[in-house]
N, C-alpha and C. Protein backbone atom coordinates (compact mmCIF):
# COMPACT_ATOMS: atom_id res chain seq x y z
N MET A 1 71.75 30.32 131.45
CA MET A 1 72.69 30.24 132.56
C MET A 1 73.53 31.51 132.59
N ALA A 2 73.75 32.03 133.76
CA ALA A 2 74.59 33.20 133.93
C ALA A 2 76.04 32.84 133.64
N LYS A 3 76.88 33.83 133.57
CA LYS A 3 78.30 33.58 133.31
C LYS A 3 78.86 32.64 134.37
N VAL A 4 79.65 31.68 133.91
CA VAL A 4 80.27 30.72 134.81
C VAL A 4 81.78 30.93 134.78
N ASN A 5 82.38 30.90 135.96
CA ASN A 5 83.81 31.13 136.10
C ASN A 5 84.47 29.82 136.49
N ILE A 6 85.27 29.26 135.58
CA ILE A 6 85.90 27.95 135.77
C ILE A 6 87.40 28.14 135.93
N LEU A 7 87.95 27.52 136.96
CA LEU A 7 89.38 27.58 137.21
C LEU A 7 89.96 26.18 137.08
N LEU A 8 90.97 26.03 136.24
CA LEU A 8 91.68 24.76 136.08
C LEU A 8 93.03 24.89 136.75
N ALA A 9 93.41 23.87 137.48
CA ALA A 9 94.72 23.89 138.13
C ALA A 9 95.46 22.60 137.83
N CYS A 10 96.71 22.73 137.41
CA CYS A 10 97.54 21.55 137.17
C CYS A 10 98.89 21.81 137.81
N ALA A 11 99.86 20.99 137.51
CA ALA A 11 101.16 21.10 138.16
C ALA A 11 101.75 22.51 138.01
N GLY A 12 101.71 23.05 136.81
CA GLY A 12 102.27 24.38 136.61
C GLY A 12 101.33 25.35 135.92
N GLY A 13 100.18 24.88 135.48
CA GLY A 13 99.25 25.74 134.76
C GLY A 13 99.48 25.74 133.27
N PHE A 14 100.53 25.03 132.83
CA PHE A 14 100.87 25.05 131.41
C PHE A 14 100.14 23.99 130.61
N SER A 15 100.10 22.77 131.13
CA SER A 15 99.48 21.69 130.36
C SER A 15 97.98 21.91 130.21
N SER A 16 97.39 22.60 131.14
CA SER A 16 95.95 22.83 131.04
C SER A 16 95.60 24.02 130.14
N SER A 17 96.59 24.76 129.69
CA SER A 17 96.32 25.91 128.83
C SER A 17 95.67 25.50 127.51
N LEU A 18 96.12 24.39 126.92
CA LEU A 18 95.51 23.89 125.69
C LEU A 18 94.07 23.46 125.96
N LEU A 19 93.86 22.83 127.11
CA LEU A 19 92.51 22.40 127.47
C LEU A 19 91.59 23.61 127.63
N VAL A 20 92.10 24.67 128.20
CA VAL A 20 91.31 25.91 128.35
C VAL A 20 90.86 26.40 126.98
N THR A 21 91.76 26.40 126.02
CA THR A 21 91.42 26.85 124.66
C THR A 21 90.29 26.00 124.09
N LYS A 22 90.39 24.69 124.26
CA LYS A 22 89.36 23.79 123.73
C LYS A 22 88.04 23.95 124.48
N MET A 23 88.11 24.20 125.79
CA MET A 23 86.90 24.42 126.56
C MET A 23 86.22 25.72 126.14
N LYS A 24 87.00 26.76 125.90
CA LYS A 24 86.43 28.04 125.46
C LYS A 24 85.74 27.88 124.10
N LYS A 25 86.35 27.11 123.22
CA LYS A 25 85.75 26.85 121.91
C LYS A 25 84.42 26.12 122.08
N ALA A 26 84.40 25.10 122.95
CA ALA A 26 83.17 24.34 123.21
C ALA A 26 82.09 25.25 123.83
N ALA A 27 82.49 26.10 124.77
CA ALA A 27 81.54 27.01 125.42
C ALA A 27 80.93 27.96 124.39
N SER A 28 81.77 28.48 123.53
CA SER A 28 81.29 29.40 122.49
C SER A 28 80.29 28.70 121.57
N ALA A 29 80.61 27.47 121.17
CA ALA A 29 79.72 26.70 120.28
C ALA A 29 78.38 26.40 120.93
N GLN A 30 78.39 26.27 122.27
CA GLN A 30 77.17 25.94 123.00
C GLN A 30 76.43 27.18 123.52
N GLY A 31 76.99 28.35 123.28
CA GLY A 31 76.38 29.58 123.76
C GLY A 31 76.51 29.77 125.26
N VAL A 32 77.53 29.17 125.85
CA VAL A 32 77.78 29.28 127.29
C VAL A 32 78.73 30.44 127.53
N ASP A 33 78.33 31.37 128.39
CA ASP A 33 79.19 32.49 128.76
C ASP A 33 80.12 32.01 129.87
N ALA A 34 81.38 31.72 129.51
CA ALA A 34 82.31 31.15 130.48
C ALA A 34 83.64 31.87 130.48
N GLU A 35 84.14 32.11 131.66
CA GLU A 35 85.50 32.60 131.87
C GLU A 35 86.28 31.40 132.36
N ILE A 36 87.31 30.98 131.63
CA ILE A 36 88.06 29.77 131.97
C ILE A 36 89.53 30.14 132.06
N THR A 37 90.15 29.83 133.20
CA THR A 37 91.53 30.20 133.46
C THR A 37 92.30 28.99 133.97
N ALA A 38 93.56 28.89 133.56
CA ALA A 38 94.44 27.82 134.04
C ALA A 38 95.55 28.42 134.90
N ILE A 39 95.79 27.80 136.05
CA ILE A 39 96.88 28.22 136.93
C ILE A 39 97.54 26.97 137.52
N GLY A 40 98.65 27.17 138.21
CA GLY A 40 99.30 26.07 138.91
C GLY A 40 98.58 25.79 140.22
N VAL A 41 98.65 24.54 140.64
CA VAL A 41 97.95 24.15 141.87
C VAL A 41 98.62 24.71 143.12
N ASN A 42 99.93 24.93 143.06
CA ASN A 42 100.63 25.48 144.22
C ASN A 42 100.15 26.90 144.47
N GLY A 43 99.68 27.16 145.66
CA GLY A 43 99.17 28.47 146.02
C GLY A 43 97.76 28.74 145.53
N LEU A 44 97.09 27.70 145.07
CA LEU A 44 95.73 27.84 144.54
C LEU A 44 94.80 28.51 145.55
N GLU A 45 94.89 28.07 146.80
CA GLU A 45 93.97 28.60 147.81
C GLU A 45 94.08 30.11 147.94
N SER A 46 95.29 30.65 147.77
CA SER A 46 95.46 32.10 147.89
C SER A 46 94.99 32.83 146.63
N GLN A 47 94.74 32.11 145.54
CA GLN A 47 94.30 32.71 144.29
C GLN A 47 92.78 32.73 144.12
N VAL A 48 92.08 32.01 144.98
CA VAL A 48 90.63 31.88 144.81
C VAL A 48 89.93 33.23 144.85
N ALA A 49 90.32 34.10 145.74
CA ALA A 49 89.68 35.42 145.82
C ALA A 49 89.91 36.23 144.54
N LYS A 50 91.08 36.08 143.94
CA LYS A 50 91.41 36.81 142.72
C LYS A 50 90.53 36.35 141.55
N TYR A 51 90.34 35.04 141.41
CA TYR A 51 89.61 34.50 140.27
C TYR A 51 88.12 34.30 140.53
N ASN A 52 87.73 34.20 141.79
CA ASN A 52 86.33 34.03 142.18
C ASN A 52 85.62 32.94 141.36
N PRO A 53 86.17 31.71 141.37
CA PRO A 53 85.60 30.66 140.52
C PRO A 53 84.28 30.10 141.06
N ASP A 54 83.46 29.62 140.13
CA ASP A 54 82.25 28.88 140.49
C ASP A 54 82.58 27.41 140.70
N VAL A 55 83.67 26.96 140.07
CA VAL A 55 84.11 25.57 140.15
C VAL A 55 85.62 25.52 139.87
N ILE A 56 86.28 24.55 140.50
CA ILE A 56 87.71 24.35 140.28
C ILE A 56 87.91 22.91 139.83
N LEU A 57 88.58 22.75 138.69
CA LEU A 57 88.91 21.43 138.18
C LEU A 57 90.42 21.24 138.28
N ILE A 58 90.81 20.09 138.80
CA ILE A 58 92.22 19.80 139.07
C ILE A 58 92.73 18.78 138.06
N GLY A 59 93.91 19.04 137.50
CA GLY A 59 94.51 18.11 136.56
C GLY A 59 94.80 16.78 137.23
N PRO A 60 94.67 15.68 136.50
CA PRO A 60 94.85 14.35 137.10
C PRO A 60 96.23 14.14 137.70
N GLN A 61 97.24 14.83 137.19
CA GLN A 61 98.59 14.66 137.72
C GLN A 61 98.76 15.22 139.13
N VAL A 62 97.82 16.04 139.56
CA VAL A 62 97.86 16.60 140.92
C VAL A 62 96.56 16.31 141.67
N SER A 63 95.91 15.23 141.30
CA SER A 63 94.62 14.90 141.92
C SER A 63 94.74 14.60 143.41
N TYR A 64 95.96 14.36 143.89
CA TYR A 64 96.17 14.15 145.32
C TYR A 64 95.72 15.37 146.14
N ALA A 65 95.65 16.53 145.53
CA ALA A 65 95.30 17.76 146.24
C ALA A 65 93.79 17.96 146.38
N VAL A 66 92.98 17.17 145.71
CA VAL A 66 91.54 17.40 145.65
C VAL A 66 90.88 17.38 147.02
N ARG A 67 91.13 16.37 147.83
CA ARG A 67 90.45 16.27 149.14
C ARG A 67 90.72 17.48 150.03
N LYS A 68 91.97 17.90 150.09
CA LYS A 68 92.31 19.06 150.92
C LYS A 68 91.61 20.31 150.38
N LEU A 69 91.63 20.48 149.08
CA LEU A 69 90.99 21.66 148.49
C LEU A 69 89.48 21.63 148.69
N GLN A 70 88.88 20.45 148.58
CA GLN A 70 87.43 20.33 148.82
C GLN A 70 87.10 20.75 150.25
N ALA A 71 87.96 20.40 151.19
CA ALA A 71 87.72 20.74 152.60
C ALA A 71 87.96 22.22 152.87
N ASP A 72 88.90 22.82 152.13
CA ASP A 72 89.31 24.19 152.42
C ASP A 72 88.59 25.28 151.63
N LEU A 73 87.98 24.91 150.51
CA LEU A 73 87.42 25.93 149.62
C LEU A 73 85.89 25.87 149.57
N PRO A 74 85.26 27.02 149.37
CA PRO A 74 83.79 27.09 149.39
C PRO A 74 83.12 26.79 148.04
N VAL A 75 83.88 26.31 147.06
CA VAL A 75 83.33 26.00 145.74
C VAL A 75 83.60 24.54 145.41
N PRO A 76 82.85 23.96 144.47
CA PRO A 76 83.11 22.56 144.08
C PRO A 76 84.51 22.40 143.50
N VAL A 77 85.17 21.33 143.92
CA VAL A 77 86.50 20.98 143.43
C VAL A 77 86.47 19.52 143.02
N GLN A 78 86.96 19.24 141.83
CA GLN A 78 86.99 17.85 141.35
C GLN A 78 88.17 17.65 140.42
N ALA A 79 88.72 16.45 140.43
CA ALA A 79 89.78 16.10 139.48
C ALA A 79 89.16 15.90 138.10
N ILE A 80 89.89 16.29 137.08
CA ILE A 80 89.46 16.09 135.71
C ILE A 80 89.68 14.62 135.35
N ASN A 81 88.72 14.02 134.68
CA ASN A 81 88.84 12.65 134.21
C ASN A 81 90.13 12.52 133.39
N MET A 82 90.94 11.50 133.75
CA MET A 82 92.24 11.34 133.12
C MET A 82 92.14 11.17 131.59
N MET A 83 91.14 10.43 131.14
CA MET A 83 90.97 10.21 129.71
C MET A 83 90.61 11.51 129.00
N ASP A 84 89.69 12.27 129.59
CA ASP A 84 89.29 13.55 129.00
C ASP A 84 90.45 14.53 128.97
N TYR A 85 91.26 14.52 130.03
CA TYR A 85 92.42 15.41 130.10
C TYR A 85 93.45 15.01 129.05
N GLY A 86 93.75 13.71 128.98
CA GLY A 86 94.74 13.23 128.02
C GLY A 86 94.35 13.50 126.58
N ARG A 87 93.06 13.42 126.31
CA ARG A 87 92.57 13.68 124.95
C ARG A 87 92.26 15.15 124.72
N MET A 88 92.43 15.97 125.76
CA MET A 88 92.12 17.39 125.69
C MET A 88 90.70 17.60 125.17
N ASN A 89 89.77 16.86 125.76
CA ASN A 89 88.36 16.90 125.35
C ASN A 89 87.66 18.07 126.04
N GLY A 90 87.73 19.21 125.42
CA GLY A 90 87.16 20.43 125.99
C GLY A 90 85.66 20.33 126.24
N GLU A 91 84.94 19.65 125.35
CA GLU A 91 83.49 19.52 125.52
C GLU A 91 83.15 18.75 126.79
N LYS A 92 83.81 17.62 127.01
CA LYS A 92 83.49 16.81 128.18
C LYS A 92 83.92 17.50 129.47
N VAL A 93 85.07 18.14 129.47
CA VAL A 93 85.53 18.81 130.69
C VAL A 93 84.61 20.00 131.00
N LEU A 94 84.18 20.71 129.97
CA LEU A 94 83.22 21.80 130.17
C LEU A 94 81.93 21.26 130.75
N ALA A 95 81.44 20.14 130.21
CA ALA A 95 80.20 19.53 130.71
C ALA A 95 80.35 19.14 132.18
N THR A 96 81.51 18.63 132.55
CA THR A 96 81.77 18.28 133.95
C THR A 96 81.69 19.52 134.83
N ALA A 97 82.33 20.59 134.40
CA ALA A 97 82.33 21.84 135.18
C ALA A 97 80.92 22.39 135.34
N LEU A 98 80.16 22.41 134.25
CA LEU A 98 78.79 22.95 134.31
C LEU A 98 77.89 22.10 135.20
N ALA A 99 78.07 20.79 135.15
CA ALA A 99 77.28 19.90 136.01
C ALA A 99 77.59 20.15 137.48
N LEU A 100 78.86 20.38 137.80
CA LEU A 100 79.23 20.66 139.19
C LEU A 100 78.64 21.98 139.67
N VAL A 101 78.64 22.97 138.80
CA VAL A 101 78.05 24.27 139.16
C VAL A 101 76.54 24.12 139.38
N ASP A 102 75.86 23.41 138.49
CA ASP A 102 74.42 23.18 138.64
C ASP A 102 74.12 22.43 139.93
N LYS A 103 74.90 21.41 140.23
CA LYS A 103 74.70 20.63 141.45
C LYS A 103 74.88 21.49 142.69
N ALA A 104 75.90 22.35 142.68
CA ALA A 104 76.15 23.23 143.83
C ALA A 104 75.01 24.23 144.02
N LYS A 105 74.47 24.72 142.93
CA LYS A 105 73.37 25.69 143.01
C LYS A 105 72.07 25.04 143.49
N ALA A 106 71.93 23.75 143.24
CA ALA A 106 70.71 23.02 143.64
C ALA A 106 70.67 22.73 145.13
N LYS A 107 71.80 22.84 145.79
CA LYS A 107 71.87 22.54 147.23
C LYS A 107 71.18 23.60 148.05
């Protein structure tokens, strides 16, 4: 798989920073070339060009924004599973992101 660019967005970009660290560790262990960045959801649409993500994962605390972002953005957008987010399960969240990228490429 080519390099995958994953963008995580939460209320302020801070709570997802630990998750990014765990996702990067999981990606490294799996041999996945991934760029993973956390930012705040406010102004996300204006940041897409800067980060050029393949997929955007939204923190469960701001999952209300998912539908609008899905309609407005040209990449897959999905809320992170609340249990995976709460447990900071980097492996599962990475798997979710990679599955979304694969699904988008298959279209």
